[in-house]
Amino acid sequence: PPFVGRTQGDILTNTLKGFKIQKVDWKDVSLPARKLLGAMLNMERTKRITANEILEHDWVVSPPDTKLPATADRIRRLNTRRKVKEAATKSAMAEQSDFRSKQMYQTYVNMPTG
């Protein structure tokens, strides 16, 4: 994701700092896709691409034919990790007092997923 952090506050702080594409994180993403994302996340509202411009962008109109097995595999792994984390949290919460469950839920919400 473009904005990361251990807590919601960290994510907000990083969002306010602006967006910079790190080549290591985005090496499997095409240049046109990175440029579109950069235009969408421009911090200056007047320079940010509009919704209509996004819909007319070459990458949206004519997406590349390349298959993205690495991306699909990563999505599957992240989804599996999310489901395991959710099931473990629900199981633990079911065995705790109401107050303890609320604490555990808050911890779960604040946990990084990536």
Protein backbone atom coordinates (compact mmCIF):
# COMPACT_ATOMS: atom_id res chain seq x y z
CA PRO A 1 0.00 0.00 0.00
CA PRO A 2 1.18 3.53 -0.59
CA PHE A 3 0.73 4.61 3.04
CA VAL A 4 1.81 2.30 5.83
CA GLY A 5 2.24 2.45 9.58
CA ARG A 6 1.88 0.37 12.70
CA THR A 7 -1.15 2.36 13.88
CA GLN A 8 -3.89 4.44 12.27
CA GLY A 9 -2.06 7.54 13.54
CA ASP A 10 1.16 6.46 11.79
CA ILE A 11 -0.75 5.89 8.55
CA LEU A 12 -2.36 9.34 8.78
CA THR A 13 1.00 10.98 9.49
CA ASN A 14 2.57 9.21 6.50
CA THR A 15 -0.39 10.16 4.32
CA LEU A 16 0.04 13.83 5.20
CA LYS A 17 3.75 13.64 4.32
CA GLY A 18 2.88 12.72 0.75
CA PHE A 19 3.46 9.80 -1.53
CA LYS A 20 6.73 8.63 -3.04
CA ILE A 21 6.97 5.44 -5.05
CA GLN A 22 9.80 3.27 -3.78
CA LYS A 23 11.19 1.18 -6.63
CA VAL A 24 11.74 -1.84 -4.39
CA ASP A 25 8.09 -1.92 -3.31
CA TRP A 26 6.71 -1.27 -6.79
CA LYS A 27 9.17 -3.17 -9.00
CA ASP A 28 6.44 -5.41 -10.41
CA VAL A 29 4.10 -2.50 -11.19
CA SER A 30 4.25 -1.04 -14.69
CA LEU A 31 5.48 2.51 -15.26
CA PRO A 32 2.08 3.69 -16.61
CA ALA A 33 0.36 2.30 -13.51
CA ARG A 34 2.89 4.01 -11.21
CA LYS A 35 2.43 7.31 -13.05
CA LEU A 36 -1.36 7.05 -12.74
CA LEU A 37 -1.10 6.28 -9.05
CA GLY A 38 1.27 9.21 -8.53
CA ALA A 39 -1.16 11.53 -10.35
CA MET A 40 -4.04 10.27 -8.20
CA LEU A 41 -2.11 10.81 -4.95
CA ASN A 42 -0.65 14.24 -5.77
CA MET A 43 -0.72 16.33 -2.59
CA GLU A 44 -1.57 19.51 -4.53
CA ARG A 45 -5.29 19.38 -5.22
CA THR A 46 -5.02 21.53 -8.35
CA LYS A 47 -2.44 19.15 -9.85
CA ARG A 48 -4.26 15.96 -8.86
CA ILE A 49 -5.88 13.96 -11.66
CA THR A 50 -9.69 14.08 -11.76
CA ALA A 51 -12.01 11.08 -11.76
CA ASN A 52 -12.83 11.67 -15.43
CA GLU A 53 -9.13 11.87 -16.30
CA ILE A 54 -8.56 8.59 -14.47
CA LEU A 55 -11.30 6.91 -16.50
CA GLU A 56 -9.72 8.24 -19.70
CA HIS A 57 -6.14 7.30 -18.74
CA ASP A 58 -4.42 4.88 -21.14
CA TRP A 59 -3.71 2.39 -18.37
CA VAL A 60 -7.43 2.20 -17.49
CA VAL A 61 -8.71 2.27 -21.08
CA SER A 62 -6.18 -0.27 -22.41
CA PRO A 63 -4.70 -2.18 -19.47
CA PRO A 64 -1.60 -4.24 -20.24
CA ASP A 65 -2.11 -7.83 -21.39
CA THR A 66 0.52 -9.11 -19.02
CA LYS A 67 -0.50 -11.62 -16.42
CA LEU A 68 0.24 -10.73 -12.84
CA PRO A 69 0.81 -14.07 -11.10
CA ALA A 70 3.03 -12.53 -8.43
CA THR A 71 0.34 -9.98 -7.59
CA ALA A 72 -2.41 -12.59 -7.47
CA ASP A 73 -0.25 -14.83 -5.29
CA ARG A 74 0.51 -11.96 -2.91
CA ILE A 75 -3.19 -11.10 -2.63
CA ARG A 76 -4.00 -14.74 -1.81
CA ARG A 77 -1.26 -14.85 0.87
CA LEU A 78 -2.40 -11.57 2.44
CA ASN A 79 -6.02 -12.70 2.40
CA THR A 80 -5.09 -16.01 4.05
CA ARG A 81 -3.05 -14.18 6.69
CA ARG A 82 -5.97 -11.83 7.34
CA LYS A 83 -8.41 -14.72 7.73
CA VAL A 84 -6.11 -16.60 10.14
CA LYS A 85 -5.55 -13.46 12.20
CA GLU A 86 -9.29 -12.75 12.31
CA ALA A 87 -10.18 -16.32 13.31
CA ALA A 88 -7.53 -16.41 16.05
CA THR A 89 -8.69 -13.08 17.43
CA LYS A 90 -12.36 -14.11 17.43
CA SER A 91 -11.51 -17.37 19.14
CA ALA A 92 -9.47 -15.64 21.84
CA MET A 93 -12.14 -12.98 22.32
CA ALA A 94 -14.83 -15.63 22.83
CA GLU A 95 -12.91 -16.95 25.85
CA GLN A 96 -12.35 -13.58 27.51
CA SER A 97 -14.44 -11.23 29.62
CA ASP A 98 -16.30 -8.43 27.83
CA PHE A 99 -13.74 -5.81 28.94
CA ARG A 100 -10.80 -7.99 27.90
CA SER A 101 -12.50 -8.67 24.54
CA LYS A 102 -12.73 -4.95 23.83
CA GLN A 103 -9.03 -4.54 24.64
CA MET A 104 -8.12 -7.45 22.37
CA TYR A 105 -10.31 -6.12 19.57
CA GLN A 106 -8.61 -2.72 19.78
CA THR A 107 -5.21 -4.44 19.61
CA TYR A 108 -6.41 -6.42 16.59
CA VAL A 109 -7.58 -3.26 14.81
CA ASN A 110 -4.20 -1.59 15.39
CA MET A 111 -2.11 -4.53 14.18
CA PRO A 112 -0.28 -4.12 10.87
CA THR A 113 -1.43 -6.58 8.20
CA GLY A 114 1.37 -6.38 5.64
